[in-house]
Amino acid sequence: MLNRLDHYLMKPPATSLTGVKRYGLEFLWFGIKELRACLFAGLFFVAIFCVPRDGWLGISRYDVLLLIALAIQFTMFFTRLESLDEIKAITLFHLLGFALELFKTSSAIGSWSYPQAGWSKIGGVPLFSGFMYAAVGSYLIQCWRLLDLKIRHHPPILHAVLLSLALYANFFTHHFIGDYRGYIAAVALGMYARSTVIFTPYDRPYKMPLLLAFALIGFFIWLAENMGTFFGVWRYPNQLGAWATVHIGKWGSWSLLVMMTFTITLFLKDIKKRIHVAQ
């Protein structure tokens, strides 16, 4: 069952507009749908930027962020902005992201750190951090429905899964046996070279290369990561003395992570039927 907002966005009134006005309407509707798809991510990152470093009412910043993330998630579920199947998928993204955080912030690795105290920290990682990965999953899942996404010439699902597993494993193993992200990215370029995503902003379908979609989403996540480190929510080693821009290479890493997240969404029952696998 769709909530009224989503139903209206997906079934807009007929229009007779043509020319520039028609494209303007399509662009406006696309922007509105993007804002709706980013609802969880947007509210969560607004909270990250607005909660003071010292927290609120004696509650630490990280604990406040966890409570806010849970409140947003429950509200979206009970208002039918997210379904139970979507919540299950988002929970999986949360767990995968939190496992990666535990490893990357460990004393043996130290890729980044969460410098502030909090009751909700496990192994030095605040529980809210998993919601940053869940936010990416939430956005992709919402886009499937709101923009009526369809994929043409998708690589075989098994190949996509194996590539995603290799990518996730590499985030851990590159500290010990070398970084193979370049090779994984090259394989991804070959696998998805023909893949096209079809989306419907208003009532007409448009298409773009799926790889370009991954790169664009990865870029905006990279921007959000820069803002998160600027506000001191977490820090990379080179930012401990003074803030510096997150390395541009992280854009590529985020784009690959978006690809992995996208692959997980393919197993949602409402999405499987929208995938055309290349022969």
Protein backbone atom coordinates (compact mmCIF):
# COMPACT_ATOMS: atom_id res chain seq x y z
CA MET A 1 0.00 0.00 0.00
CA LEU A 2 1.43 3.35 -1.08
CA ASN A 3 1.12 6.47 1.01
CA ARG A 4 -0.72 9.37 -0.61
CA LEU A 5 2.43 11.34 -1.41
CA ASP A 6 4.09 8.49 -3.30
CA HIS A 7 0.87 7.63 -5.09
CA TYR A 8 0.54 11.22 -6.33
CA LEU A 9 4.18 11.40 -7.40
CA MET A 10 3.92 8.13 -9.32
CA LYS A 11 0.51 8.86 -10.84
CA PRO A 12 0.65 12.59 -11.67
CA PRO A 13 -2.19 14.36 -13.50
CA ALA A 14 -2.11 14.30 -17.29
CA THR A 15 -0.58 17.32 -18.97
CA SER A 16 -0.70 18.82 -22.45
CA LEU A 17 2.47 20.88 -22.03
CA THR A 18 5.03 20.74 -24.84
CA GLY A 19 8.47 22.09 -25.63
CA VAL A 20 10.47 23.90 -22.95
CA LYS A 21 7.58 23.92 -20.48
CA ARG A 22 7.27 20.14 -20.80
CA TYR A 23 10.97 19.62 -20.09
CA GLY A 24 10.72 22.06 -17.20
CA LEU A 25 7.89 20.01 -15.69
CA GLU A 26 9.87 16.80 -16.16
CA PHE A 27 12.91 18.36 -14.47
CA LEU A 28 10.82 19.72 -11.59
CA TRP A 29 9.14 16.35 -11.01
CA PHE A 30 12.51 14.61 -11.16
CA GLY A 31 13.83 16.95 -8.48
CA ILE A 32 10.80 16.36 -6.25
CA LYS A 33 11.12 12.59 -6.60
CA GLU A 34 14.84 12.80 -5.83
CA LEU A 35 14.10 14.80 -2.68
CA ARG A 36 11.51 12.22 -1.66
CA ALA A 37 13.94 9.36 -2.33
CA CYS A 38 16.56 11.17 -0.22
CA LEU A 39 14.14 11.69 2.68
CA PHE A 40 15.89 9.37 5.12
CA ALA A 41 19.38 10.33 3.99
CA GLY A 42 18.52 14.03 3.97
CA LEU A 43 16.96 14.11 7.43
CA PHE A 44 19.77 12.00 8.85
CA PHE A 45 22.54 14.19 7.46
CA VAL A 46 20.72 17.34 8.58
CA ALA A 47 20.81 15.82 12.06
CA ILE A 48 24.54 15.13 11.69
CA PHE A 49 25.18 18.76 10.85
CA CYS A 50 22.80 20.24 13.44
CA VAL A 51 23.49 18.19 16.59
CA PRO A 52 26.16 20.06 18.60
CA ARG A 53 29.51 18.41 19.30
CA ASP A 54 28.61 18.26 23.00
CA GLY A 55 25.24 16.64 22.32
CA TRP A 56 21.89 17.62 23.77
CA LEU A 57 20.58 17.56 27.34
CA GLY A 58 23.59 15.65 28.61
CA ILE A 59 23.26 12.98 25.89
CA SER A 60 26.36 12.59 23.71
CA ARG A 61 26.32 13.54 20.04
CA TYR A 62 26.61 9.94 18.81
CA ASP A 63 23.79 8.72 21.06
CA VAL A 64 21.52 11.57 19.94
CA LEU A 65 22.22 10.70 16.30
CA LEU A 66 21.33 7.07 16.93
CA LEU A 67 18.01 8.04 18.53
CA ILE A 68 17.22 10.40 15.66
CA ALA A 69 18.05 7.76 13.04
CA LEU A 70 15.79 5.21 14.75
CA ALA A 71 12.99 7.77 15.05
CA ILE A 72 13.22 8.61 11.33
CA GLN A 73 13.22 4.93 10.39
CA PHE A 74 10.22 4.03 12.55
CA THR A 75 8.28 7.09 11.37
CA MET A 76 8.88 6.22 7.72
CA PHE A 77 7.72 2.65 8.31
CA PHE A 78 4.55 3.54 10.22
CA THR A 79 3.60 6.22 7.69
CA ARG A 80 4.12 3.69 4.86
CA LEU A 81 6.99 5.62 3.36
CA GLU A 82 8.93 2.35 3.60
CA SER A 83 7.70 -1.24 3.46
CA LEU A 84 8.73 -4.13 5.70
CA ASP A 85 10.76 -5.71 2.86
CA GLU A 86 12.58 -2.42 2.39
CA ILE A 87 13.31 -2.20 6.12
CA LYS A 88 14.82 -5.69 5.99
CA ALA A 89 17.09 -4.71 3.09
CA ILE A 90 18.10 -1.47 4.81
CA THR A 91 18.93 -3.45 7.97
CA LEU A 92 21.26 -5.61 5.89
CA PHE A 93 23.00 -2.49 4.56
CA HIS A 94 23.33 -1.27 8.14
CA LEU A 95 24.96 -4.53 9.27
CA LEU A 96 27.36 -4.69 6.31
CA GLY A 97 28.35 -1.07 6.86
CA PHE A 98 28.82 -1.46 10.60
CA ALA A 99 31.02 -4.55 10.11
CA LEU A 100 33.20 -2.53 7.74
CA GLU A 101 33.35 0.33 10.25
CA LEU A 102 34.47 -1.99 13.05
CA PHE A 103 37.32 -3.27 10.92
CA LYS A 104 38.42 0.07 9.46
CA THR A 105 38.48 1.87 12.82
CA SER A 106 40.25 -0.91 14.73
CA SER A 107 43.61 -0.11 16.29
CA ALA A 108 45.37 -2.38 13.82
CA ILE A 109 43.95 -0.55 10.78
CA GLY A 110 43.02 2.99 11.85
CA SER A 111 41.62 4.15 8.49
CA TRP A 112 39.43 6.69 10.31
CA SER A 113 38.15 7.28 13.84
CA TYR A 114 35.21 8.55 15.88
CA PRO A 115 36.90 10.79 18.45
CA GLN A 116 33.98 11.58 20.74
CA ALA A 117 32.51 9.52 23.57
CA GLY A 118 29.14 7.80 23.55
CA TRP A 119 27.21 5.03 25.27
CA SER A 120 26.22 3.53 21.93
CA LYS A 121 29.77 2.86 20.75
CA ILE A 122 30.84 -0.74 20.16
CA GLY A 123 34.51 -1.35 19.52
CA GLY A 124 35.01 2.38 19.12
CA VAL A 125 32.25 2.64 16.49
CA PRO A 126 28.96 4.43 17.26
CA LEU A 127 25.89 2.46 16.21
CA PHE A 128 24.55 5.38 14.22
CA SER A 129 27.37 4.91 11.67
CA GLY A 130 25.62 1.92 10.09
CA PHE A 131 22.74 4.21 9.18
CA MET A 132 25.04 6.14 6.84
CA TYR A 133 25.25 3.01 4.70
CA ALA A 134 21.57 2.27 5.24
CA ALA A 135 20.81 5.77 3.93
CA VAL A 136 22.39 4.84 0.58
CA GLY A 137 20.29 1.67 0.45
CA SER A 138 17.15 3.58 1.37
CA TYR A 139 17.75 6.08 -1.43
CA LEU A 140 18.23 3.37 -4.06
CA ILE A 141 15.16 1.43 -2.96
CA GLN A 142 13.00 4.56 -3.04
CA CYS A 143 14.29 5.40 -6.53
CA TRP A 144 13.23 1.99 -7.82
CA ARG A 145 9.62 2.73 -6.89
CA LEU A 146 9.32 6.48 -7.39
CA LEU A 147 11.13 6.69 -10.72
CA ASP A 148 9.82 3.33 -11.93
CA LEU A 149 13.36 2.18 -12.70
CA LYS A 150 14.00 -0.53 -15.24
CA ILE A 151 17.36 -1.95 -16.27
CA ARG A 152 18.27 -3.08 -19.76
CA HIS A 153 21.26 -5.32 -20.52
CA HIS A 154 22.13 -5.98 -16.90
CA PRO A 155 24.96 -8.50 -16.50
CA PRO A 156 24.00 -11.97 -15.20
CA ILE A 157 22.93 -11.67 -11.57
CA LEU A 158 25.45 -14.30 -10.42
CA HIS A 159 28.29 -12.30 -12.01
CA ALA A 160 27.10 -9.11 -10.34
CA VAL A 161 26.90 -10.87 -6.97
CA LEU A 162 30.40 -12.33 -7.33
CA LEU A 163 31.79 -8.93 -8.27
CA SER A 164 30.09 -7.34 -5.25
CA LEU A 165 31.49 -10.03 -2.95
CA ALA A 166 34.97 -9.44 -4.35
CA LEU A 167 34.58 -5.70 -3.80
CA TYR A 168 33.37 -6.06 -0.21
CA ALA A 169 36.15 -8.53 0.57
CA ASN A 170 38.73 -6.17 -0.93
CA PHE A 171 37.75 -3.45 1.54
CA PHE A 172 39.13 -5.78 4.21
CA THR A 173 41.89 -7.71 2.47
CA HIS A 174 43.67 -4.81 0.76
CA HIS A 175 45.35 -4.03 4.09
CA PHE A 176 47.11 -7.40 3.89
CA ILE A 177 47.40 -8.65 0.30
CA GLY A 178 47.14 -5.52 -1.86
CA ASP A 179 44.39 -3.26 -3.17
CA TYR A 180 42.59 -4.68 -6.21
CA ARG A 181 39.92 -2.02 -6.56
CA GLY A 182 41.39 -0.96 -9.89
CA TYR A 183 40.93 -4.47 -11.28
CA ILE A 184 37.44 -4.73 -9.82
CA ALA A 185 36.54 -1.37 -11.35
CA ALA A 186 37.86 -2.52 -14.73
CA VAL A 187 35.74 -5.68 -14.56
CA ALA A 188 32.72 -3.56 -13.57
CA LEU A 189 33.28 -1.27 -16.58
CA GLY A 190 33.23 -4.29 -18.87
CA MET A 191 30.24 -5.95 -17.21
CA TYR A 192 28.04 -2.84 -17.09
CA ALA A 193 29.21 -1.18 -20.33
CA ARG A 194 25.91 -1.95 -22.10
CA SER A 195 23.67 -1.55 -19.06
CA THR A 196 21.08 1.21 -19.22
CA VAL A 197 18.74 2.50 -16.53
CA ILE A 198 15.31 3.70 -17.66
CA PHE A 199 13.57 6.17 -15.35
CA THR A 200 10.31 8.12 -15.48
CA PRO A 201 10.33 11.60 -13.90
CA TYR A 202 6.75 12.51 -14.86
CA ASP A 203 5.09 10.22 -17.40
CA ARG A 204 7.74 9.80 -20.10
CA PRO A 205 10.66 7.38 -19.79
CA TYR A 206 14.27 8.53 -20.17
CA LYS A 207 17.47 6.53 -20.08
CA MET A 208 21.11 6.88 -19.10
CA PRO A 209 24.11 4.55 -18.72
CA LEU A 210 23.93 2.66 -15.45
CA LEU A 211 27.64 3.29 -14.81
CA LEU A 212 27.01 7.04 -15.01
CA ALA A 213 24.25 6.68 -12.39
CA PHE A 214 26.67 4.85 -10.06
CA ALA A 215 29.28 7.58 -10.53
CA LEU A 216 26.83 10.44 -9.91
CA ILE A 217 25.48 8.90 -6.71
CA GLY A 218 29.04 8.17 -5.56
CA PHE A 219 29.98 11.81 -6.15
CA PHE A 220 27.18 13.14 -3.95
CA ILE A 221 28.08 10.66 -1.20
CA TRP A 222 31.67 11.90 -1.42
CA LEU A 223 30.40 15.46 -0.95
CA ALA A 224 28.36 14.35 2.09
CA GLU A 225 31.45 12.62 3.49
CA ASN A 226 33.41 15.86 3.18
CA MET A 227 30.72 17.68 5.13
CA GLY A 228 30.62 14.95 7.78
CA THR A 229 34.36 15.17 8.38
CA PHE A 230 34.24 18.98 8.29
CA PHE A 231 31.78 18.91 11.20
CA GLY A 232 34.07 16.48 13.03
CA VAL A 233 31.65 13.54 13.24
CA TRP A 234 34.50 11.28 12.13
CA ARG A 235 38.05 12.01 11.02
CA TYR A 236 40.68 10.54 8.73
CA PRO A 237 44.28 10.50 10.01
CA ASN A 238 45.24 13.44 7.76
CA GLN A 239 42.41 15.51 9.27
CA LEU A 240 43.39 15.23 12.93
CA GLY A 241 45.45 18.43 12.96
CA ALA A 242 43.30 20.44 10.57
CA TRP A 243 40.46 19.56 8.23
CA ALA A 244 41.34 18.63 4.65
CA THR A 245 39.24 17.51 1.71
CA VAL A 246 38.57 13.78 1.59
CA HIS A 247 40.80 12.24 -1.08
CA ILE A 248 39.13 12.25 -4.49
CA GLY A 249 39.86 8.52 -4.77
CA LYS A 250 37.07 7.95 -2.26
CA TRP A 251 34.63 9.00 -4.98
CA GLY A 252 35.55 5.87 -6.89
CA SER A 253 35.24 3.73 -3.76
CA TRP A 254 31.78 5.11 -3.05
CA SER A 255 30.72 4.53 -6.66
CA LEU A 256 31.75 0.89 -6.34
CA LEU A 257 29.93 0.63 -3.02
CA VAL A 258 26.81 2.04 -4.70
CA MET A 259 27.14 -0.72 -7.30
CA MET A 260 27.31 -3.32 -4.53
CA THR A 261 24.29 -1.80 -2.75
CA PHE A 262 22.40 -1.72 -6.04
CA THR A 263 23.08 -5.44 -6.52
CA ILE A 264 21.59 -6.23 -3.11
CA THR A 265 18.38 -4.38 -4.01
CA LEU A 266 17.90 -6.70 -7.01
CA PHE A 267 16.74 -9.44 -4.65
CA LEU A 268 13.69 -7.49 -3.48
CA LYS A 269 10.66 -9.25 -4.96
CA ASP A 270 9.18 -6.08 -6.49
CA ILE A 271 12.45 -5.27 -8.27
CA LYS A 272 13.42 -8.61 -9.83
CA LYS A 273 10.84 -8.30 -12.59
CA ARG A 274 12.30 -4.96 -13.76
CA ILE A 275 15.69 -6.40 -14.70
CA HIS A 276 16.51 -7.39 -18.24
CA VAL A 277 19.63 -9.58 -18.14
CA ALA A 278 21.91 -9.31 -21.16
CA GLN A 279 22.20 -12.45 -23.27
